[in-house]
Amino acid sequence: MAITQRGVVQYALEPLAVELRDVVVPEIGDHDVLLRVGAVSVCGSDVHQAYNTHSWPVNVPVILGHEFAGTVAKAGRGVKGFREGDRVVSETAAEVCGDCLLCRTGRYNLCPTRKGFGYGIDGAMASYVKVPARALHHVPDSLPFELACLAEPHSVAYNAMCVNSTIRPGDLVVVLGPGPIGLLCARMAALAGADPLIVVGLSADAPRLETATRLGATRVINAEKESVDEVVRGFSPLGADLVCDASGASRPLDVALALTRPDGQVTKVGWSPDLVPININPLVQKNLRLQGSFSHTYPTWERVIHLLDRRLTRPEEIVGLTSPLEGWREAFQAMHDGRVIKSVLIP
């Protein structure tokens, strides 16, 4: 008889087609571990899926959750380097082919057949989740699961700002959008030496802009009350060295291209379900580098775990709600309404 557990399941591609269900505890293969989930944070993409406003394919029914940490409850016979009782976090690339050029060169995050937890296969908003051992990283005892589960969004931000972008001390960096990823991108930019560091939001983002200041922003802008262009060019008439578009919309890319100095960089990390016309002429005229940034790879996770353990990223600034799994609905709603930056569930 199969053993069951409670899980937050998206069961249809319709708004709010999510509920807490009894689901089967997964069986593991020789190279997997069964992970006892210690904490799982709610991503903006989880909220988008719950409201059916996402722009990526989702295999329903599916257990949500891809930002998680926990303890190895059982290890497959072929697993090396991890054993029962180990404290770990997991990457999100739940399935990759392992054979394509991208996988063989360490860029498995871009594997064409990649499937991630929480949309491609079952995720971690449950007591137990099956994880391939290759996706695991050890975490020190000094890093509680409530913060360790933030390694995934930290890795997204690190990859965007410290791998796919170039930031030198003294560079003028602008981050558009103070959502969880935007705020973490700002923090990574601050750690990399950006100064001035400007974070741009709207009136509804006032609390998040205050958080941006605590995370190292030297200037925040409410775009509904100030001219972003005037503020940026007040620091540098040529424009920003780097603009990171973490807004989750398409139109701000226009703003990013206009704000960037000649021979500068634009990095887009926010998903954009809306399709709108964009003036890309500045890309040519100013000889800009437009860079997308998706997911992360093994070395990034190792660095992020170190930063988290040292609290250098100030992770406690972005967690606004911690709840048992049964409180998932309020955790999602609080993020949807903008009342908290990040919710964390404890199964």
Protein backbone atom coordinates (compact mmCIF):
# COMPACT_ATOMS: atom_id res chain seq x y z
CA MET A 1 0.00 0.00 0.00
CA ALA A 2 1.38 3.39 -1.02
CA ILE A 3 2.31 5.85 1.71
CA THR A 4 0.65 9.25 1.32
CA GLN A 5 1.47 12.78 2.35
CA ARG A 6 -0.11 16.22 2.01
CA GLY A 7 0.98 18.36 -0.95
CA VAL A 8 0.07 21.67 -2.57
CA VAL A 9 -1.12 20.57 -6.01
CA GLN A 10 -1.91 22.57 -9.12
CA TYR A 11 -4.50 20.33 -10.73
CA ALA A 12 -5.62 22.31 -13.80
CA LEU A 13 -4.56 25.20 -16.03
CA GLU A 14 -7.18 27.54 -14.60
CA PRO A 15 -7.03 30.40 -12.09
CA LEU A 16 -6.80 29.16 -8.48
CA ALA A 17 -6.89 25.50 -9.50
CA VAL A 18 -4.63 24.68 -6.53
CA GLU A 19 -5.44 22.76 -3.37
CA LEU A 20 -3.92 20.74 -0.55
CA ARG A 21 -4.27 17.07 -1.52
CA ASP A 22 -3.21 13.64 -0.35
CA VAL A 23 -0.42 12.53 -2.68
CA VAL A 24 1.86 9.52 -2.78
CA VAL A 25 5.32 9.69 -1.21
CA PRO A 26 7.56 9.09 -4.26
CA GLU A 27 9.69 6.01 -4.84
CA ILE A 28 13.36 6.78 -5.57
CA GLY A 29 15.80 5.30 -8.07
CA ASP A 30 19.39 4.25 -7.56
CA HIS A 31 20.75 7.76 -8.14
CA ASP A 32 18.05 9.69 -6.27
CA VAL A 33 17.45 10.68 -2.69
CA LEU A 34 14.17 11.01 -0.83
CA LEU A 35 14.38 14.41 0.78
CA ARG A 36 12.46 15.33 3.94
CA VAL A 37 11.55 18.93 3.21
CA GLY A 38 12.64 21.31 5.97
CA ALA A 39 11.43 24.50 4.30
CA VAL A 40 10.16 25.57 0.88
CA SER A 41 9.85 29.20 -0.15
CA VAL A 42 7.13 30.48 -2.44
CA CYS A 43 8.41 31.81 -5.76
CA GLY A 44 6.62 34.42 -7.82
CA SER A 45 6.31 31.72 -10.46
CA ASP A 46 4.34 29.54 -8.01
CA VAL A 47 1.93 32.44 -7.55
CA HIS A 48 1.71 32.99 -11.32
CA GLN A 49 0.91 29.31 -11.82
CA ALA A 50 -1.75 29.46 -9.11
CA TYR A 51 -3.44 32.36 -10.91
CA ASN A 52 -2.78 30.82 -14.35
CA THR A 53 -0.81 33.90 -15.48
CA HIS A 54 2.40 32.02 -16.23
CA SER A 55 4.15 31.97 -19.61
CA TRP A 56 5.79 28.51 -19.47
CA PRO A 57 4.38 25.00 -19.98
CA VAL A 58 3.11 23.26 -16.85
CA ASN A 59 2.42 19.54 -16.54
CA VAL A 60 -0.71 19.28 -14.38
CA PRO A 61 -1.41 17.84 -11.94
CA VAL A 62 1.85 18.79 -10.27
CA ILE A 63 3.04 19.50 -6.73
CA LEU A 64 4.32 23.08 -6.61
CA GLY A 65 7.58 24.29 -5.10
CA HIS A 66 11.16 24.50 -6.37
CA GLU A 67 12.95 26.56 -3.71
CA PHE A 68 13.63 24.09 -0.93
CA ALA A 69 16.00 22.67 1.65
CA GLY A 70 15.82 19.61 3.85
CA THR A 71 17.34 16.42 5.15
CA VAL A 72 18.19 13.26 3.22
CA ALA A 73 15.72 10.63 4.46
CA LYS A 74 16.84 7.87 2.11
CA ALA A 75 19.59 7.54 -0.50
CA GLY A 76 19.57 5.33 -3.58
CA ARG A 77 22.13 2.54 -3.92
CA GLY A 78 24.20 4.44 -6.47
CA VAL A 79 24.33 7.74 -4.58
CA LYS A 80 27.78 8.93 -3.57
CA GLY A 81 28.64 11.89 -1.36
CA PHE A 82 25.27 12.07 0.40
CA ARG A 83 23.77 9.89 3.09
CA GLU A 84 20.79 9.77 5.40
CA GLY A 85 20.70 12.74 7.75
CA ASP A 86 22.67 15.14 5.53
CA ARG A 87 21.35 18.71 5.39
CA VAL A 88 21.04 19.84 1.77
CA VAL A 89 19.52 22.19 -0.75
CA SER A 90 18.55 21.19 -4.27
CA GLU A 91 18.91 22.82 -7.64
CA THR A 92 15.81 23.10 -9.82
CA ALA A 93 16.95 21.12 -12.88
CA ALA A 94 15.08 17.98 -11.91
CA GLU A 95 15.57 16.32 -15.30
CA VAL A 96 18.19 17.00 -17.98
CA CYS A 97 19.33 14.75 -20.80
CA GLY A 98 23.02 14.69 -19.79
CA ASP A 99 24.10 14.10 -23.38
CA CYS A 100 23.58 17.35 -25.33
CA LEU A 101 26.32 19.94 -25.90
CA LEU A 102 24.92 22.15 -23.15
CA CYS A 103 24.82 19.38 -20.56
CA ARG A 104 28.31 18.16 -21.49
CA THR A 105 29.76 21.66 -21.12
CA GLY A 106 28.21 22.33 -17.71
CA ARG A 107 25.36 24.50 -18.97
CA TYR A 108 22.68 21.95 -18.16
CA ASN A 109 20.37 24.77 -17.05
CA LEU A 110 19.86 25.41 -20.77
CA CYS A 111 19.27 21.77 -21.77
CA PRO A 112 16.39 21.71 -24.30
CA THR A 113 14.77 18.79 -22.47
CA ARG A 114 15.18 20.28 -18.98
CA LYS A 115 12.26 19.84 -16.61
CA GLY A 116 12.11 21.71 -13.34
CA PHE A 117 10.49 20.95 -10.02
CA GLY A 118 7.03 22.40 -9.55
CA TYR A 119 6.04 22.66 -13.19
CA GLY A 120 7.73 19.83 -15.11
CA ILE A 121 7.74 17.23 -12.33
CA ASP A 122 6.49 17.20 -8.74
CA GLY A 123 8.04 19.80 -6.49
CA ALA A 124 8.65 20.25 -2.78
CA MET A 125 5.46 21.70 -1.26
CA ALA A 126 5.02 18.42 0.56
CA SER A 127 6.75 16.47 3.32
CA TYR A 128 8.94 14.50 0.91
CA VAL A 129 10.30 15.04 -2.60
CA LYS A 130 12.40 12.85 -4.90
CA VAL A 131 15.61 14.57 -5.98
CA PRO A 132 18.47 13.38 -8.23
CA ALA A 133 21.64 13.35 -6.15
CA ARG A 134 23.49 15.37 -8.83
CA ALA A 135 21.26 18.36 -7.92
CA LEU A 136 22.16 18.41 -4.22
CA HIS A 137 24.49 20.67 -2.25
CA HIS A 138 25.47 20.30 1.40
CA VAL A 139 24.53 23.15 3.70
CA PRO A 140 26.21 23.86 7.05
CA ASP A 141 24.42 23.42 10.36
CA SER A 142 24.70 27.18 10.91
CA LEU A 143 22.30 27.86 8.02
CA PRO A 144 18.67 27.22 9.04
CA PHE A 145 16.37 25.68 6.46
CA GLU A 146 14.16 28.80 6.48
CA LEU A 147 17.07 30.70 4.93
CA ALA A 148 18.74 27.83 3.08
CA CYS A 149 15.61 27.41 0.93
CA LEU A 150 16.34 30.88 -0.47
CA ALA A 151 19.46 29.55 -2.21
CA GLU A 152 17.53 29.11 -5.47
CA PRO A 153 16.36 32.73 -5.95
CA HIS A 154 19.78 33.86 -4.73
CA SER A 155 21.34 31.72 -7.45
CA VAL A 156 19.07 33.26 -10.09
CA ALA A 157 20.24 36.70 -8.99
CA TYR A 158 23.91 35.72 -8.76
CA ASN A 159 23.81 34.20 -12.24
CA ALA A 160 22.19 37.34 -13.64
CA MET A 161 24.46 39.90 -12.01
CA CYS A 162 27.76 38.10 -11.36
CA VAL A 163 27.96 35.58 -14.22
CA ASN A 164 25.96 36.92 -17.16
CA SER A 165 26.69 40.59 -16.38
CA THR A 166 29.91 42.45 -15.70
CA ILE A 167 29.95 44.79 -12.70
CA ARG A 168 33.04 46.64 -11.55
CA PRO A 169 33.35 48.71 -8.36
CA GLY A 170 32.00 52.18 -9.06
CA ASP A 171 29.69 51.11 -11.92
CA LEU A 172 26.30 52.80 -12.13
CA VAL A 173 23.77 49.95 -11.97
CA VAL A 174 19.99 50.29 -12.23
CA VAL A 175 17.55 47.51 -11.26
CA LEU A 176 14.01 47.80 -12.62
CA GLY A 177 11.47 46.02 -10.43
CA PRO A 178 11.85 45.47 -6.65
CA GLY A 179 10.31 42.00 -6.55
CA PRO A 180 12.17 39.18 -4.79
CA ILE A 181 14.53 38.59 -7.73
CA GLY A 182 15.02 42.30 -8.37
CA LEU A 183 15.93 42.90 -4.72
CA LEU A 184 18.36 40.00 -4.72
CA CYS A 185 19.87 41.26 -7.99
CA ALA A 186 20.36 44.61 -6.28
CA ARG A 187 22.07 42.93 -3.35
CA MET A 188 24.39 40.97 -5.64
CA ALA A 189 25.22 44.20 -7.48
CA ALA A 190 26.00 45.88 -4.17
CA LEU A 191 28.30 43.02 -3.19
CA ALA A 192 30.01 43.34 -6.58
CA GLY A 193 30.75 47.03 -5.92
CA ALA A 194 28.00 48.86 -7.83
CA ASP A 195 27.87 52.52 -6.80
CA PRO A 196 25.59 54.29 -7.50
CA LEU A 197 23.05 51.47 -7.25
CA ILE A 198 19.52 52.54 -8.16
CA VAL A 199 16.36 50.46 -7.70
CA VAL A 200 13.19 51.53 -9.50
CA GLY A 201 9.62 50.67 -8.54
CA LEU A 202 6.09 52.10 -8.34
CA SER A 203 4.01 53.59 -5.52
CA ALA A 204 2.74 50.15 -4.55
CA ASP A 205 6.36 49.06 -4.10
CA ALA A 206 7.13 51.58 -1.32
CA PRO A 207 7.91 48.93 1.36
CA ARG A 208 10.06 46.99 -1.10
CA LEU A 209 11.98 50.12 -2.04
CA GLU A 210 12.71 50.62 1.67
CA THR A 211 14.04 47.06 1.72
CA ALA A 212 16.17 47.84 -1.33
CA THR A 213 17.87 50.60 0.66
CA ARG A 214 18.65 48.16 3.46
CA LEU A 215 20.08 45.77 0.87
CA GLY A 216 22.53 48.38 -0.42
CA ALA A 217 20.72 50.61 -2.90
CA THR A 218 22.17 54.11 -2.78
CA ARG A 219 19.05 55.60 -4.43
CA VAL A 220 15.50 54.34 -4.93
CA ILE A 221 13.01 55.81 -7.40
CA ASN A 222 9.23 55.77 -7.46
CA ALA A 223 8.74 55.94 -11.23
CA GLU A 224 5.24 57.38 -10.75
CA LYS A 225 6.63 60.43 -8.95
CA GLU A 226 10.10 60.98 -10.45
CA SER A 227 11.69 60.83 -13.88
CA VAL A 228 13.93 57.78 -13.87
CA ASP A 229 15.89 59.16 -16.81
CA GLU A 230 16.59 62.47 -15.06
CA VAL A 231 17.76 60.79 -11.86
CA VAL A 232 20.05 58.35 -13.68
CA ARG A 233 21.57 61.05 -15.90
CA GLY A 234 22.04 63.22 -12.85
CA PHE A 235 24.61 60.65 -11.79
CA SER A 236 26.01 60.04 -15.28
CA PRO A 237 24.90 62.02 -18.36
CA LEU A 238 25.75 59.08 -20.60
CA GLY A 239 23.51 56.67 -18.68
CA ALA A 240 23.94 53.51 -16.64
CA ASP A 241 26.73 51.00 -17.10
CA LEU A 242 24.23 48.19 -16.52
CA VAL A 243 20.45 48.04 -16.34
CA CYS A 244 18.87 44.87 -14.97
CA ASP A 245 15.24 44.37 -15.98
CA ALA A 246 13.70 42.26 -13.24
CA SER A 247 10.23 43.72 -13.67
CA GLY A 248 8.43 40.65 -14.99
CA ALA A 249 6.93 42.72 -17.81
CA SER A 250 7.98 43.47 -21.37
CA ARG A 251 7.63 47.22 -21.72
CA PRO A 252 10.34 48.13 -19.17
CA LEU A 253 12.87 46.73 -21.62
CA ASP A 254 12.26 49.92 -23.62
CA VAL A 255 13.22 51.90 -20.52
CA ALA A 256 16.28 49.74 -19.92
CA LEU A 257 17.61 50.25 -23.46
CA ALA A 258 17.06 54.01 -23.19
CA LEU A 259 18.75 54.31 -19.77
CA THR A 260 21.93 52.42 -20.67
CA ARG A 261 25.05 54.29 -21.76
CA PRO A 262 26.69 53.59 -25.13
CA ASP A 263 28.63 50.32 -24.98
CA GLY A 264 26.74 49.35 -21.83
CA GLN A 265 24.80 46.27 -20.78
CA VAL A 266 21.16 45.32 -20.34
CA THR A 267 20.37 42.07 -18.53
CA LYS A 268 16.81 40.78 -18.54
CA VAL A 269 15.97 38.28 -15.82
CA GLY A 270 12.21 38.76 -15.37
CA TRP A 271 9.77 36.58 -17.33
CA SER A 272 7.32 38.56 -19.47
CA PRO A 273 4.01 36.95 -20.42
CA ASP A 274 2.84 40.11 -22.20
CA LEU A 275 3.87 40.61 -25.81
CA VAL A 276 4.30 44.30 -26.70
CA PRO A 277 6.33 46.19 -29.33
CA ILE A 278 9.83 47.18 -28.18
CA ASN A 279 12.08 49.78 -29.80
CA ILE A 280 15.35 47.89 -30.18
CA ASN A 281 17.11 50.57 -32.25
CA PRO A 282 19.12 51.77 -29.21
CA LEU A 283 20.59 48.28 -29.09
CA VAL A 284 22.32 48.98 -32.40
CA GLN A 285 22.78 52.72 -32.11
CA LYS A 286 24.50 52.48 -28.73
CA ASN A 287 26.31 49.20 -29.36
CA LEU A 288 24.63 47.66 -26.31
CA ARG A 289 24.92 44.12 -25.02
CA LEU A 290 21.47 42.69 -24.35
CA GLN A 291 21.72 39.57 -22.22
CA GLY A 292 19.06 37.16 -21.00
CA SER A 293 19.69 35.21 -17.82
CA PHE A 294 18.03 31.92 -16.95
CA SER A 295 18.45 29.65 -13.95
CA HIS A 296 21.92 28.66 -12.66
CA THR A 297 24.58 25.93 -12.47
CA TYR A 298 26.60 24.10 -9.81
CA PRO A 299 29.37 26.66 -9.14
CA THR A 300 26.84 29.43 -8.56
CA TRP A 301 25.08 27.39 -5.88
CA GLU A 302 28.32 26.74 -4.00
CA ARG A 303 29.07 30.46 -3.88
CA VAL A 304 25.53 31.38 -2.88
CA ILE A 305 25.47 28.88 0.00
CA HIS A 306 28.64 30.52 1.32
CA LEU A 307 27.11 34.00 1.02
CA LEU A 308 23.91 32.85 2.72
CA ASP A 309 25.77 31.16 5.54
CA ARG A 310 27.75 34.34 6.16
CA ARG A 311 24.47 36.34 5.90
CA LEU A 312 26.24 38.59 3.40
CA THR A 313 23.10 38.74 1.27
CA ARG A 314 20.95 39.76 4.28
CA PRO A 315 18.35 37.08 3.47
CA GLU A 316 16.24 37.80 6.54
CA GLU A 317 15.25 41.11 4.94
CA ILE A 318 13.09 39.42 2.31
CA VAL A 319 11.22 36.81 4.38
CA GLY A 320 7.95 38.33 5.56
CA LEU A 321 5.83 35.27 6.39
CA THR A 322 6.61 31.77 7.67
CA SER A 323 3.79 29.26 7.81
CA PRO A 324 3.03 25.56 8.05
CA LEU A 325 2.08 23.89 4.77
CA GLU A 326 -1.59 24.18 5.69
CA GLY A 327 -1.24 27.96 5.49
CA TRP A 328 -0.13 27.87 1.84
CA ARG A 329 -3.15 29.88 0.64
CA GLU A 330 -2.37 32.88 2.83
CA ALA A 331 1.34 32.56 1.96
CA PHE A 332 0.49 32.78 -1.75
CA GLN A 333 -2.05 35.56 -1.24
CA ALA A 334 0.36 37.68 0.82
CA MET A 335 2.88 37.57 -2.02
CA HIS A 336 0.22 38.17 -4.67
CA ASP A 337 -1.02 41.24 -2.81
CA GLY A 338 2.50 42.54 -2.23
CA ARG A 339 2.15 42.39 1.57
CA VAL A 340 5.33 40.34 1.88
CA ILE A 341 8.37 39.93 -0.35
CA LYS A 342 8.80 36.23 0.34
CA SER A 343 6.74 33.54 2.08
CA VAL A 344 8.29 30.35 3.46
CA LEU A 345 6.34 27.15 4.14
CA ILE A 346 7.43 24.57 6.72
CA PRO A 347 5.91 21.15 5.80
